[in-house]
Amino acid sequence: MTFSYVDHPAMVNLIIPLIRDTYLKLGIKTEFVAQPSNRNLLLVDKNLVDGDVGYMRIVLAGYQNIITVEPALVSGIFTLLCKPQLKCTPAVLADAQQTIVSTSVSKNGMDVGFRGEIHSQFYIVNDLALIPKFIRNGRFDYAIYPTTEQELAQMDLTGLQYVKLFQSDLYHVLHKKYAFMAPEISAALAATLAQKKTK
C-alpha cells in the first residue's frame, strides 16, 4: 500500500515507522511518498494513494472519501512559533496587524480547533518543514506549527520561542475503499502502539 506523508520530523521519525510496523504485522508491504501538506489529503480523497500516515481529525472536514483508523497515533499540538524578541502569546492571533505563516491545512485546523479570536493575516505555504526556518531566518515573525510533545522536547529552539495553543489527536487515514480492512488495521495498530510503549 502507498501512503503519503508531510515532511515533518514527527512523521519521519515516529509515525512512518509505526505505520510500517503495523502493516508488516498484517503482511502488507508499504511505500511512503512525501507530499506538500495541501496535496496529500487530496491524493487520498481522489484514490491516487491508499492513505496518509497521519492527520489530525479536525482538518479532515470536506474530504468525503477519507476515513480515520483508531486508535490515535499520538496527541498533536498546534503551536505558535515566534521570533525570540517578540511577544509570544495566543493574543497575537487576535491582532489584525500580524501576519502568520502557515500551511492551508494548519490554517483550517486553527479555524476549527482554536478557541480564541483570530484576526491576524495568514500567509499560506505548502511545505510544513520550512516553517521553523522562516522564523529563524527572520522572514516571518510568527508561524503556526503542528507538532508533538516528543518533537518539542527534541526541537532546536535556537532563534525560536513557542506557545502551545491546543491539542488534537493524530490518526492514520485511509481511502474509504479500505473500510473493510479498518478493524484489522486498528487491531494491528493498537498492538504496535502497545509494543512501542513497553520499549
Protein backbone atom coordinates (compact mmCIF):
# COMPACT_ATOMS: atom_id res chain seq x y z
CA MET A 1 0.00 0.00 0.00
CA THR A 2 1.16 3.53 -0.74
CA PHE A 3 0.85 6.28 1.86
CA SER A 4 1.54 9.97 1.56
CA TYR A 5 3.14 11.96 4.36
CA VAL A 6 4.16 15.50 5.17
CA ASP A 7 7.91 16.07 5.55
CA HIS A 8 7.93 16.74 9.29
CA PRO A 9 10.24 15.26 11.96
CA ALA A 10 7.35 13.64 13.87
CA MET A 11 6.09 11.95 10.69
CA VAL A 12 9.50 10.74 9.54
CA ASN A 13 10.90 9.65 12.92
CA LEU A 14 7.79 8.46 14.76
CA ILE A 15 4.71 7.92 12.61
CA ILE A 16 6.18 6.29 9.47
CA PRO A 17 7.97 3.55 11.49
CA LEU A 18 4.75 2.97 13.44
CA ILE A 19 2.66 2.59 10.27
CA ARG A 20 5.33 0.42 8.60
CA ASP A 21 5.44 -1.93 11.62
CA THR A 22 1.64 -2.10 11.76
CA TYR A 23 1.28 -3.19 8.15
CA LEU A 24 4.19 -5.64 8.47
CA LYS A 25 2.15 -7.40 11.16
CA LEU A 26 -0.55 -7.82 8.51
CA GLY A 27 1.90 -9.00 5.85
CA ILE A 28 1.35 -5.86 3.75
CA LYS A 29 4.26 -4.02 2.10
CA THR A 30 4.20 -0.23 2.37
CA GLU A 31 5.60 2.62 0.36
CA PHE A 32 5.79 6.20 1.60
CA VAL A 33 5.67 9.28 -0.63
CA ALA A 34 6.37 12.79 0.66
CA GLN A 35 3.82 15.37 -0.47
CA PRO A 36 3.16 19.05 0.25
CA SER A 37 0.64 19.43 3.05
CA ASN A 38 -2.10 20.74 0.76
CA ARG A 39 -1.77 17.88 -1.70
CA ASN A 40 -1.67 14.66 0.32
CA LEU A 41 -5.26 14.70 1.55
CA LEU A 42 -6.45 15.43 -1.99
CA LEU A 43 -4.48 12.41 -3.23
CA VAL A 44 -6.14 10.17 -0.63
CA ASP A 45 -9.58 11.63 -1.31
CA LYS A 46 -9.17 11.04 -5.08
CA ASN A 47 -7.84 7.49 -4.51
CA LEU A 48 -4.41 8.29 -6.00
CA VAL A 49 -2.72 6.93 -2.86
CA ASP A 50 -4.16 4.44 -0.39
CA GLY A 51 -3.93 6.71 2.63
CA ASP A 52 -1.79 9.10 4.63
CA VAL A 53 0.36 8.12 7.59
CA GLY A 54 -1.38 10.52 9.92
CA TYR A 55 -3.56 13.58 10.21
CA MET A 56 -5.45 15.38 12.93
CA ARG A 57 -9.18 14.76 12.56
CA ILE A 58 -10.01 18.43 12.89
CA VAL A 59 -8.56 19.09 9.41
CA LEU A 60 -10.49 16.34 7.61
CA ALA A 61 -13.83 18.10 7.13
CA GLY A 62 -14.85 18.17 3.49
CA TYR A 63 -12.97 15.03 2.49
CA GLN A 64 -15.82 12.63 1.77
CA ASN A 65 -13.64 9.67 0.80
CA ILE A 66 -11.31 9.62 3.81
CA ILE A 67 -11.73 7.53 6.96
CA THR A 68 -9.66 7.53 10.15
CA VAL A 69 -8.35 4.42 11.85
CA GLU A 70 -8.46 4.09 15.63
CA PRO A 71 -6.58 4.32 17.95
CA ALA A 72 -4.95 7.75 17.89
CA LEU A 73 -1.26 7.59 16.94
CA VAL A 74 -0.16 10.49 19.11
CA SER A 75 -1.52 13.66 20.61
CA GLY A 76 -0.63 16.55 18.34
CA ILE A 77 -0.11 20.12 19.44
CA PHE A 78 -0.78 23.27 17.47
CA THR A 79 1.94 25.76 18.42
CA LEU A 80 2.56 29.40 17.68
CA LEU A 81 6.24 29.86 16.77
CA CYS A 82 7.67 33.32 17.36
CA LYS A 83 10.90 35.23 16.97
CA PRO A 84 12.68 35.25 20.35
CA GLN A 85 12.42 39.01 20.98
CA LEU A 86 8.68 39.26 20.32
CA LYS A 87 5.60 38.75 22.46
CA CYS A 88 4.63 35.08 22.10
CA THR A 89 1.10 34.58 23.38
CA PRO A 90 -2.17 33.46 21.80
CA ALA A 91 -3.21 37.14 21.79
CA VAL A 92 -1.02 37.58 18.69
CA LEU A 93 -3.69 35.73 16.72
CA ALA A 94 -6.26 38.42 17.56
CA ASP A 95 -4.03 41.20 16.18
CA ALA A 96 -5.13 42.11 12.63
CA GLN A 97 -1.74 43.80 12.07
CA GLN A 98 0.16 40.50 12.36
CA THR A 99 0.95 38.10 9.53
CA ILE A 100 1.35 34.44 10.40
CA VAL A 101 2.90 31.86 8.08
CA SER A 102 1.07 28.53 7.94
CA THR A 103 0.06 25.72 5.63
CA SER A 104 -3.54 25.76 4.42
CA VAL A 105 -4.22 22.56 6.36
CA SER A 106 -2.84 24.07 9.57
CA LYS A 107 -4.93 27.21 9.00
CA ASN A 108 -8.03 25.03 8.63
CA GLY A 109 -7.11 23.27 11.87
CA MET A 110 -6.80 26.61 13.63
CA ASP A 111 -10.20 27.71 12.36
CA VAL A 112 -11.76 24.57 13.85
CA GLY A 113 -9.70 23.95 17.00
CA PHE A 114 -8.55 27.32 18.37
CA ARG A 115 -10.94 28.71 20.98
CA GLY A 116 -9.80 32.32 20.81
CA GLU A 117 -10.30 35.06 18.24
CA ILE A 118 -8.31 35.01 15.00
CA HIS A 119 -7.96 38.33 13.20
CA SER A 120 -4.34 38.08 12.04
CA GLN A 121 -3.49 37.65 8.37
CA PHE A 122 -2.22 34.27 7.16
CA TYR A 123 0.46 33.74 4.55
CA ILE A 124 -0.02 30.22 3.18
CA VAL A 125 2.88 27.96 2.16
CA ASN A 126 2.87 24.32 1.06
CA ASP A 127 5.89 22.94 2.91
CA LEU A 128 5.42 22.42 6.65
CA ALA A 129 9.12 21.58 7.11
CA LEU A 130 10.12 25.12 6.08
CA ILE A 131 8.01 26.91 8.67
CA PRO A 132 10.53 26.92 11.58
CA LYS A 133 13.22 28.12 9.12
CA PHE A 134 11.06 31.08 8.12
CA ILE A 135 11.05 32.26 11.74
CA ARG A 136 14.75 31.56 12.32
CA ASN A 137 15.86 33.45 9.21
CA GLY A 138 13.60 36.43 10.01
CA ARG A 139 11.32 36.10 7.00
CA PHE A 140 8.27 35.99 9.29
CA ASP A 141 7.70 36.92 12.93
CA TYR A 142 5.05 34.26 13.66
CA ALA A 143 4.00 30.83 12.41
CA ILE A 144 1.54 28.04 13.14
CA TYR A 145 3.34 24.72 13.53
CA PRO A 146 1.57 21.48 14.40
CA THR A 147 3.88 19.08 16.21
CA THR A 148 4.09 16.61 19.11
CA GLU A 149 5.40 16.78 22.68
CA GLN A 150 8.25 14.47 21.67
CA GLU A 151 9.34 16.73 18.85
CA LEU A 152 9.08 19.86 21.00
CA ALA A 153 11.40 18.21 23.53
CA GLN A 154 13.94 17.46 20.78
CA MET A 155 13.48 20.59 18.67
CA ASP A 156 16.36 23.03 18.25
CA LEU A 157 14.86 26.21 19.69
CA THR A 158 17.72 28.44 18.54
CA GLY A 159 16.09 31.51 17.05
CA LEU A 160 12.60 30.43 18.17
CA GLN A 161 10.17 30.55 21.03
CA TYR A 162 6.75 28.96 21.11
CA VAL A 163 3.47 28.74 22.94
CA LYS A 164 1.13 25.77 22.83
CA LEU A 165 -2.32 26.66 21.51
CA PHE A 166 -4.33 23.42 21.70
CA GLN A 167 -4.08 19.65 21.33
CA SER A 168 -5.64 17.40 18.72
CA ASP A 169 -5.08 13.67 18.27
CA LEU A 170 -3.43 12.37 15.12
CA TYR A 171 -4.94 9.37 13.30
CA HIS A 172 -3.89 7.14 10.42
CA VAL A 173 -6.14 7.87 7.44
CA LEU A 174 -7.25 5.69 4.53
CA HIS A 175 -9.36 6.00 1.43
CA LYS A 176 -12.84 4.75 2.28
CA LYS A 177 -12.50 1.78 -0.11
CA TYR A 178 -10.35 0.22 2.65
CA ALA A 179 -13.07 0.50 5.31
CA PHE A 180 -13.41 -3.29 5.24
CA MET A 181 -9.79 -3.54 6.46
CA ALA A 182 -10.09 -0.89 9.17
CA PRO A 183 -10.87 -3.27 12.08
CA GLU A 184 -7.85 -5.47 11.25
CA ILE A 185 -5.57 -2.45 10.77
CA SER A 186 -6.90 -0.96 14.01
CA ALA A 187 -6.05 -4.13 15.97
CA ALA A 188 -2.55 -4.29 14.47
CA LEU A 189 -2.03 -0.59 15.15
CA ALA A 190 -3.10 -0.99 18.80
CA ALA A 191 -0.64 -3.90 19.16
CA THR A 192 2.18 -1.87 17.59
CA LEU A 193 1.47 1.11 19.87
CA ALA A 194 1.47 -1.19 22.93
CA GLN A 195 4.84 -2.66 21.88
CA LYS A 196 6.35 0.81 21.44
CA LYS A 197 5.19 1.81 24.95
CA THR A 198 6.92 -1.18 26.54
CA LYS A 199 10.28 -0.45 24.84
